[in-house]
Amino acid sequence: MAQTDIPEHFADQRLVGVLVRHQGAVTARQLKAAGYSAGELRHLLADRVLVPTDASDDTVYGFPDPAVYIDMLVLVQWRLPEGIFGGRTALVFYDLTVTLPKGFDVCVPSALTDRERAVLPENLGVRPFTLPEALRTYGVTRVYPAQPGDVPVAMYTPSVAVAQTLADEYYMEETREDCVNTYVQDYGLDTALLEAAERYSVSERLQTLLPHWE
């Protein structure tokens, strides 16, 4: 018979707020500044509400499973501050595709240092891609994931996400058709999509998909 009397310990919103302010990792000093006593910290560690973030360093603490409290988009953005969510990740966020997400498509600077490449959070399912600078900075906005709702992340606009999907051979044809059809149903064949398609040199490909909804 399964045990039902094992207590579960979860962080309250106050603690989540402290961790979010420090991008998911706090020191004992930061917890003290936030009003937590040494005794409270001991209890949080004993209950595994917090755990050391590094096995070799027991002075910095975080949640055992940060995704329970913090949206994965936010966690990835913290690891890649210069990253911009695009492609299928943006399509999923904007409800422009019914395909299941496979990790996170993130545009990263083309001139990453060896150190920056070494810390790419591939363990979080990140698929990094690069763009020429003129495209990298085009159509970037800020969106707010569900939890916590006050932490924005960088993401391309819906029209740019569609253009990226049409331009990147990584995506399957069904995904391209899906996002074009859904975009046009939601927004119409608007100037934003036509401009994005032109910038990404996919205007002809876009036109071949339009008969699917006409």
C-alpha atoms as a PDB file:
ATOM      1  CA  MET A   1       0.000   0.000   0.000  1.00  0.00           C
ATOM      2  CA  ALA A   2       1.325   3.453  -0.887  1.00  0.00           C
ATOM      3  CA  GLN A   3       2.262   5.701   1.992  1.00  0.00           C
ATOM      4  CA  THR A   4      -0.008   8.720   2.330  1.00  0.00           C
ATOM      5  CA  ASP A   5       1.344  10.252   5.509  1.00  0.00           C
ATOM      6  CA  ILE A   6       4.618  11.588   4.057  1.00  0.00           C
ATOM      7  CA  PRO A   7       4.426  15.366   4.272  1.00  0.00           C
ATOM      8  CA  GLU A   8       5.066  17.390   1.139  1.00  0.00           C
ATOM      9  CA  HIS A   9       6.895  20.664   1.531  1.00  0.00           C
ATOM     10  CA  PHE A  10       6.399  23.459  -0.960  1.00  0.00           C
ATOM     11  CA  ALA A  11       7.629  27.019  -1.116  1.00  0.00           C
ATOM     12  CA  ASP A  12       5.159  29.787  -0.381  1.00  0.00           C
ATOM     13  CA  GLN A  13       4.739  32.833  -2.625  1.00  0.00           C
ATOM     14  CA  ARG A  14       6.994  34.923  -0.410  1.00  0.00           C
ATOM     15  CA  LEU A  15       9.912  32.559  -0.942  1.00  0.00           C
ATOM     16  CA  VAL A  16       9.149  32.205  -4.635  1.00  0.00           C
ATOM     17  CA  GLY A  17       9.282  35.985  -4.890  1.00  0.00           C
ATOM     18  CA  VAL A  18      12.706  36.062  -3.239  1.00  0.00           C
ATOM     19  CA  LEU A  19      14.072  33.394  -5.577  1.00  0.00           C
ATOM     20  CA  VAL A  20      12.644  35.160  -8.626  1.00  0.00           C
ATOM     21  CA  ARG A  21      14.273  38.457  -7.619  1.00  0.00           C
ATOM     22  CA  HIS A  22      17.609  36.643  -7.581  1.00  0.00           C
ATOM     23  CA  GLN A  23      17.001  34.627 -10.759  1.00  0.00           C
ATOM     24  CA  GLY A  24      16.523  31.319  -9.008  1.00  0.00           C
ATOM     25  CA  ALA A  25      19.568  31.170  -6.728  1.00  0.00           C
ATOM     26  CA  VAL A  26      20.063  32.854  -3.354  1.00  0.00           C
ATOM     27  CA  THR A  27      22.720  32.997  -0.686  1.00  0.00           C
ATOM     28  CA  ALA A  28      22.142  32.848   3.058  1.00  0.00           C
ATOM     29  CA  ARG A  29      22.927  36.566   3.215  1.00  0.00           C
ATOM     30  CA  GLN A  30      20.254  37.357   0.624  1.00  0.00           C
ATOM     31  CA  LEU A  31      17.719  35.237   2.488  1.00  0.00           C
ATOM     32  CA  LYS A  32      18.579  37.051   5.708  1.00  0.00           C
ATOM     33  CA  ALA A  33      18.111  40.398   3.959  1.00  0.00           C
ATOM     34  CA  ALA A  34      14.690  39.147   2.848  1.00  0.00           C
ATOM     35  CA  GLY A  35      13.725  38.438   6.463  1.00  0.00           C
ATOM     36  CA  TYR A  36      14.598  34.744   6.843  1.00  0.00           C
ATOM     37  CA  SER A  37      16.413  33.723  10.017  1.00  0.00           C
ATOM     38  CA  ALA A  38      19.182  31.133  10.205  1.00  0.00           C
ATOM     39  CA  GLY A  39      16.696  28.775  11.856  1.00  0.00           C
ATOM     40  CA  GLU A  40      14.184  29.213   9.047  1.00  0.00           C
ATOM     41  CA  LEU A  41      16.898  28.477   6.493  1.00  0.00           C
ATOM     42  CA  ARG A  42      17.803  25.279   8.340  1.00  0.00           C
ATOM     43  CA  HIS A  43      14.153  24.197   8.205  1.00  0.00           C
ATOM     44  CA  LEU A  44      13.898  25.008   4.497  1.00  0.00           C
ATOM     45  CA  LEU A  45      16.981  22.897   3.817  1.00  0.00           C
ATOM     46  CA  ALA A  46      15.866  20.059   6.104  1.00  0.00           C
ATOM     47  CA  ASP A  47      12.489  19.939   4.338  1.00  0.00           C
ATOM     48  CA  ARG A  48      14.204  20.199   0.932  1.00  0.00           C
ATOM     49  CA  VAL A  49      12.185  23.240   0.027  1.00  0.00           C
ATOM     50  CA  LEU A  50      15.611  24.630  -0.855  1.00  0.00           C
ATOM     51  CA  VAL A  51      18.712  22.688  -1.839  1.00  0.00           C
ATOM     52  CA  PRO A  52      22.295  23.657  -2.689  1.00  0.00           C
ATOM     53  CA  THR A  53      22.427  24.550  -6.385  1.00  0.00           C
ATOM     54  CA  ASP A  54      25.877  23.009  -6.756  1.00  0.00           C
ATOM     55  CA  ALA A  55      27.072  19.823  -5.082  1.00  0.00           C
ATOM     56  CA  SER A  56      30.487  21.430  -4.557  1.00  0.00           C
ATOM     57  CA  ASP A  57      29.061  24.671  -3.156  1.00  0.00           C
ATOM     58  CA  ASP A  58      26.573  24.599  -0.268  1.00  0.00           C
ATOM     59  CA  THR A  59      26.342  28.388   0.062  1.00  0.00           C
ATOM     60  CA  VAL A  60      23.962  29.052  -2.835  1.00  0.00           C
ATOM     61  CA  TYR A  61      20.452  27.643  -2.735  1.00  0.00           C
ATOM     62  CA  GLY A  62      17.583  27.068  -5.132  1.00  0.00           C
ATOM     63  CA  PHE A  63      14.471  24.954  -5.600  1.00  0.00           C
ATOM     64  CA  PRO A  64      14.911  21.189  -6.216  1.00  0.00           C
ATOM     65  CA  ASP A  65      12.663  21.546  -9.273  1.00  0.00           C
ATOM     66  CA  PRO A  66      12.491  25.227 -10.268  1.00  0.00           C
ATOM     67  CA  ALA A  67       9.933  24.518 -13.014  1.00  0.00           C
ATOM     68  CA  VAL A  68       7.324  23.824 -10.308  1.00  0.00           C
ATOM     69  CA  TYR A  69       7.320  27.526  -9.477  1.00  0.00           C
ATOM     70  CA  ILE A  70       8.904  29.299 -12.447  1.00  0.00           C
ATOM     71  CA  ASP A  71       8.003  29.027 -16.134  1.00  0.00           C
ATOM     72  CA  MET A  72      10.608  27.218 -18.248  1.00  0.00           C
ATOM     73  CA  LEU A  73      10.762  30.206 -20.596  1.00  0.00           C
ATOM     74  CA  VAL A  74      11.946  32.314 -17.664  1.00  0.00           C
ATOM     75  CA  LEU A  75      14.474  29.692 -16.553  1.00  0.00           C
ATOM     76  CA  VAL A  76      15.946  29.528 -20.052  1.00  0.00           C
ATOM     77  CA  GLN A  77      16.045  33.330 -20.345  1.00  0.00           C
ATOM     78  CA  TRP A  78      18.001  33.567 -17.103  1.00  0.00           C
ATOM     79  CA  ARG A  79      20.559  31.126 -18.491  1.00  0.00           C
ATOM     80  CA  LEU A  80      20.655  32.929 -21.856  1.00  0.00           C
ATOM     81  CA  PRO A  81      20.100  36.640 -21.140  1.00  0.00           C
ATOM     82  CA  GLU A  82      20.854  37.549 -24.772  1.00  0.00           C
ATOM     83  CA  GLY A  83      18.600  34.816 -26.126  1.00  0.00           C
ATOM     84  CA  ILE A  84      15.361  35.545 -28.001  1.00  0.00           C
ATOM     85  CA  PHE A  85      12.642  32.899 -28.271  1.00  0.00           C
ATOM     86  CA  GLY A  86      11.494  32.288 -31.825  1.00  0.00           C
ATOM     87  CA  GLY A  87      10.455  29.642 -34.320  1.00  0.00           C
ATOM     88  CA  ARG A  88       8.208  26.931 -32.980  1.00  0.00           C
ATOM     89  CA  THR A  89       8.601  28.091 -29.369  1.00  0.00           C
ATOM     90  CA  ALA A  90       7.022  31.430 -30.273  1.00  0.00           C
ATOM     91  CA  LEU A  91       4.361  29.683 -32.371  1.00  0.00           C
ATOM     92  CA  VAL A  92       3.372  27.554 -29.366  1.00  0.00           C
ATOM     93  CA  PHE A  93       3.274  30.608 -27.092  1.00  0.00           C
ATOM     94  CA  TYR A  94       0.999  32.477 -29.507  1.00  0.00           C
ATOM     95  CA  ASP A  95      -1.198  29.401 -30.154  1.00  0.00           C
ATOM     96  CA  LEU A  96      -0.200  29.367 -33.821  1.00  0.00           C
ATOM     97  CA  THR A  97       0.520  25.660 -33.990  1.00  0.00           C
ATOM     98  CA  VAL A  98      -0.973  22.456 -32.666  1.00  0.00           C
ATOM     99  CA  THR A  99       2.325  20.572 -32.819  1.00  0.00           C
ATOM    100  CA  LEU A 100       3.811  19.680 -29.469  1.00  0.00           C
ATOM    101  CA  PRO A 101       6.854  21.723 -28.447  1.00  0.00           C
ATOM    102  CA  LYS A 102      10.212  19.999 -28.634  1.00  0.00           C
ATOM    103  CA  GLY A 103      12.395  22.068 -26.408  1.00  0.00           C
ATOM    104  CA  PHE A 104      13.016  25.756 -26.969  1.00  0.00           C
ATOM    105  CA  ASP A 105      14.135  27.500 -30.148  1.00  0.00           C
ATOM    106  CA  VAL A 106      16.328  30.390 -29.039  1.00  0.00           C
ATOM    107  CA  CYS A 107      18.165  32.885 -31.234  1.00  0.00           C
ATOM    108  CA  VAL A 108      21.599  33.516 -29.736  1.00  0.00           C
ATOM    109  CA  PRO A 109      24.280  36.017 -30.773  1.00  0.00           C
ATOM    110  CA  SER A 110      26.402  34.663 -33.622  1.00  0.00           C
ATOM    111  CA  ALA A 111      29.589  35.759 -31.869  1.00  0.00           C
ATOM    112  CA  LEU A 112      29.274  33.611 -28.760  1.00  0.00           C
ATOM    113  CA  THR A 113      32.498  33.095 -26.841  1.00  0.00           C
ATOM    114  CA  ASP A 114      33.692  29.570 -26.063  1.00  0.00           C
ATOM    115  CA  ARG A 115      32.659  30.137 -22.453  1.00  0.00           C
ATOM    116  CA  GLU A 116      29.155  31.207 -23.488  1.00  0.00           C
ATOM    117  CA  ARG A 117      28.792  28.184 -25.767  1.00  0.00           C
ATOM    118  CA  ALA A 118      29.900  25.926 -22.930  1.00  0.00           C
ATOM    119  CA  VAL A 119      26.984  27.036 -20.744  1.00  0.00           C
ATOM    120  CA  LEU A 120      24.238  26.768 -23.367  1.00  0.00           C
ATOM    121  CA  PRO A 121      21.457  25.044 -21.396  1.00  0.00           C
ATOM    122  CA  GLU A 122      20.993  22.100 -23.743  1.00  0.00           C
ATOM    123  CA  ASN A 123      19.864  20.120 -20.706  1.00  0.00           C
ATOM    124  CA  LEU A 124      16.786  22.361 -20.745  1.00  0.00           C
ATOM    125  CA  GLY A 125      16.043  21.390 -24.328  1.00  0.00           C
ATOM    126  CA  VAL A 126      17.427  24.509 -25.993  1.00  0.00           C
ATOM    127  CA  ARG A 127      17.973  24.485 -29.762  1.00  0.00           C
ATOM    128  CA  PRO A 128      20.128  27.557 -30.399  1.00  0.00           C
ATOM    129  CA  PHE A 129      20.065  29.245 -33.786  1.00  0.00           C
ATOM    130  CA  THR A 130      21.682  32.390 -35.161  1.00  0.00           C
ATOM    131  CA  LEU A 131      20.575  35.150 -37.523  1.00  0.00           C
ATOM    132  CA  PRO A 132      22.243  38.100 -39.241  1.00  0.00           C
ATOM    133  CA  GLU A 133      22.132  41.058 -36.891  1.00  0.00           C
ATOM    134  CA  ALA A 134      19.528  42.923 -38.984  1.00  0.00           C
ATOM    135  CA  LEU A 135      17.144  39.976 -38.586  1.00  0.00           C
ATOM    136  CA  ARG A 136      18.132  39.207 -35.023  1.00  0.00           C
ATOM    137  CA  THR A 137      16.924  42.613 -33.837  1.00  0.00           C
ATOM    138  CA  TYR A 138      13.831  42.735 -36.060  1.00  0.00           C
ATOM    139  CA  GLY A 139      10.420  42.077 -34.556  1.00  0.00           C
ATOM    140  CA  VAL A 140      11.494  41.483 -30.951  1.00  0.00           C
ATOM    141  CA  THR A 141       8.952  42.050 -28.200  1.00  0.00           C
ATOM    142  CA  ARG A 142       8.513  41.213 -24.509  1.00  0.00           C
ATOM    143  CA  VAL A 143       5.981  38.652 -23.348  1.00  0.00           C
ATOM    144  CA  TYR A 144       4.950  37.424 -19.921  1.00  0.00           C
ATOM    145  CA  PRO A 145       4.819  33.658 -19.289  1.00  0.00           C
ATOM    146  CA  ALA A 146       2.225  32.249 -16.930  1.00  0.00           C
ATOM    147  CA  GLN A 147       4.382  31.854 -13.832  1.00  0.00           C
ATOM    148  CA  PRO A 148       5.582  34.130 -12.479  1.00  0.00           C
ATOM    149  CA  GLY A 149       3.508  36.552 -14.486  1.00  0.00           C
ATOM    150  CA  ASP A 150       5.673  39.587 -13.784  1.00  0.00           C
ATOM    151  CA  VAL A 151       8.894  38.347 -15.390  1.00  0.00           C
ATOM    152  CA  PRO A 152       9.125  39.161 -19.121  1.00  0.00           C
ATOM    153  CA  VAL A 153      11.149  37.255 -21.685  1.00  0.00           C
ATOM    154  CA  ALA A 154      12.324  38.296 -25.154  1.00  0.00           C
ATOM    155  CA  MET A 155      10.366  36.746 -28.023  1.00  0.00           C
ATOM    156  CA  TYR A 156       9.796  37.444 -31.698  1.00  0.00           C
ATOM    157  CA  THR A 157       6.362  38.668 -32.768  1.00  0.00           C
ATOM    158  CA  PRO A 158       3.875  36.204 -34.284  1.00  0.00           C
ATOM    159  CA  SER A 159       4.541  37.275 -37.879  1.00  0.00           C
ATOM    160  CA  VAL A 160       8.304  36.940 -37.453  1.00  0.00           C
ATOM    161  CA  ALA A 161       7.926  33.520 -35.828  1.00  0.00           C
ATOM    162  CA  VAL A 162       5.970  32.363 -38.882  1.00  0.00           C
ATOM    163  CA  ALA A 163       8.614  33.755 -41.253  1.00  0.00           C
ATOM    164  CA  GLN A 164      11.361  32.033 -39.266  1.00  0.00           C
ATOM    165  CA  THR A 165       9.494  28.751 -39.488  1.00  0.00           C
ATOM    166  CA  LEU A 166       9.158  29.095 -43.254  1.00  0.00           C
ATOM    167  CA  ALA A 167      12.851  29.965 -43.624  1.00  0.00           C
ATOM    168  CA  ASP A 168      14.336  27.241 -41.404  1.00  0.00           C
ATOM    169  CA  GLU A 169      14.627  23.799 -42.998  1.00  0.00           C
ATOM    170  CA  TYR A 170      14.650  22.331 -39.491  1.00  0.00           C
ATOM    171  CA  TYR A 171      10.848  22.478 -39.410  1.00  0.00           C
ATOM    172  CA  MET A 172       8.574  19.959 -41.080  1.00  0.00           C
ATOM    173  CA  GLU A 173       6.232  21.043 -43.873  1.00  0.00           C
ATOM    174  CA  GLU A 174       3.184  20.277 -41.726  1.00  0.00           C
ATOM    175  CA  THR A 175       4.415  22.784 -39.134  1.00  0.00           C
ATOM    176  CA  ARG A 176       4.803  25.445 -41.837  1.00  0.00           C
ATOM    177  CA  GLU A 177       1.317  24.842 -43.205  1.00  0.00           C
ATOM    178  CA  ASP A 178      -0.138  24.754 -39.720  1.00  0.00           C
ATOM    179  CA  CYS A 179       1.324  28.089 -38.617  1.00  0.00           C
ATOM    180  CA  VAL A 180       0.461  29.919 -41.859  1.00  0.00           C
ATOM    181  CA  ASN A 181      -3.143  28.711 -41.791  1.00  0.00           C
ATOM    182  CA  THR A 182      -3.581  29.559 -38.122  1.00  0.00           C
ATOM    183  CA  TYR A 183      -1.907  32.955 -38.434  1.00  0.00           C
ATOM    184  CA  VAL A 184      -4.120  33.986 -41.354  1.00  0.00           C
ATOM    185  CA  GLN A 185      -7.223  32.778 -39.529  1.00  0.00           C
ATOM    186  CA  ASP A 186      -6.269  34.817 -36.456  1.00  0.00           C
ATOM    187  CA  TYR A 187      -4.716  37.948 -37.977  1.00  0.00           C
ATOM    188  CA  GLY A 188      -5.516  37.847 -41.682  1.00  0.00           C
ATOM    189  CA  LEU A 189      -2.919  38.207 -44.419  1.00  0.00           C
ATOM    190  CA  ASP A 190      -1.656  41.414 -42.860  1.00  0.00           C
ATOM    191  CA  THR A 191       1.224  43.773 -43.552  1.00  0.00           C
ATOM    192  CA  ALA A 192       3.253  42.376 -40.645  1.00  0.00           C
ATOM    193  CA  LEU A 193       3.327  38.869 -42.127  1.00  0.00           C
ATOM    194  CA  LEU A 194       4.067  40.086 -45.655  1.00  0.00           C
ATOM    195  CA  GLU A 195       6.916  42.285 -44.418  1.00  0.00           C
ATOM    196  CA  ALA A 196       8.394  39.521 -42.262  1.00  0.00           C
ATOM    197  CA  ALA A 197       8.207  37.066 -45.174  1.00  0.00           C
ATOM    198  CA  GLU A 198      10.006  39.558 -47.400  1.00  0.00           C
ATOM    199  CA  ARG A 199      12.753  40.177 -44.862  1.00  0.00           C
ATOM    200  CA  TYR A 200      13.300  36.440 -44.453  1.00  0.00           C
ATOM    201  CA  SER A 201      13.129  35.895 -48.237  1.00  0.00           C
ATOM    202  CA  VAL A 202      10.234  33.458 -47.956  1.00  0.00           C
ATOM    203  CA  SER A 203       7.507  35.397 -49.787  1.00  0.00           C
ATOM    204  CA  GLU A 204       7.235  32.767 -52.509  1.00  0.00           C
ATOM    205  CA  ARG A 205       7.051  29.943 -49.996  1.00  0.00           C
ATOM    206  CA  LEU A 206       4.342  31.837 -48.134  1.00  0.00           C
ATOM    207  CA  GLN A 207       2.318  32.219 -51.333  1.00  0.00           C
ATOM    208  CA  THR A 208       2.468  28.468 -52.009  1.00  0.00           C
ATOM    209  CA  LEU A 209       0.871  27.804 -48.618  1.00  0.00           C
ATOM    210  CA  LEU A 210      -1.887  30.395 -48.885  1.00  0.00           C
ATOM    211  CA  PRO A 211      -4.160  28.277 -51.175  1.00  0.00           C
ATOM    212  CA  HIS A 212      -4.599  25.886 -48.258  1.00  0.00           C
ATOM    213  CA  TRP A 213      -6.944  28.368 -46.649  1.00  0.00           C
ATOM    214  CA  GLU A 214      -8.371  30.265 -49.636  1.00  0.00           C
END
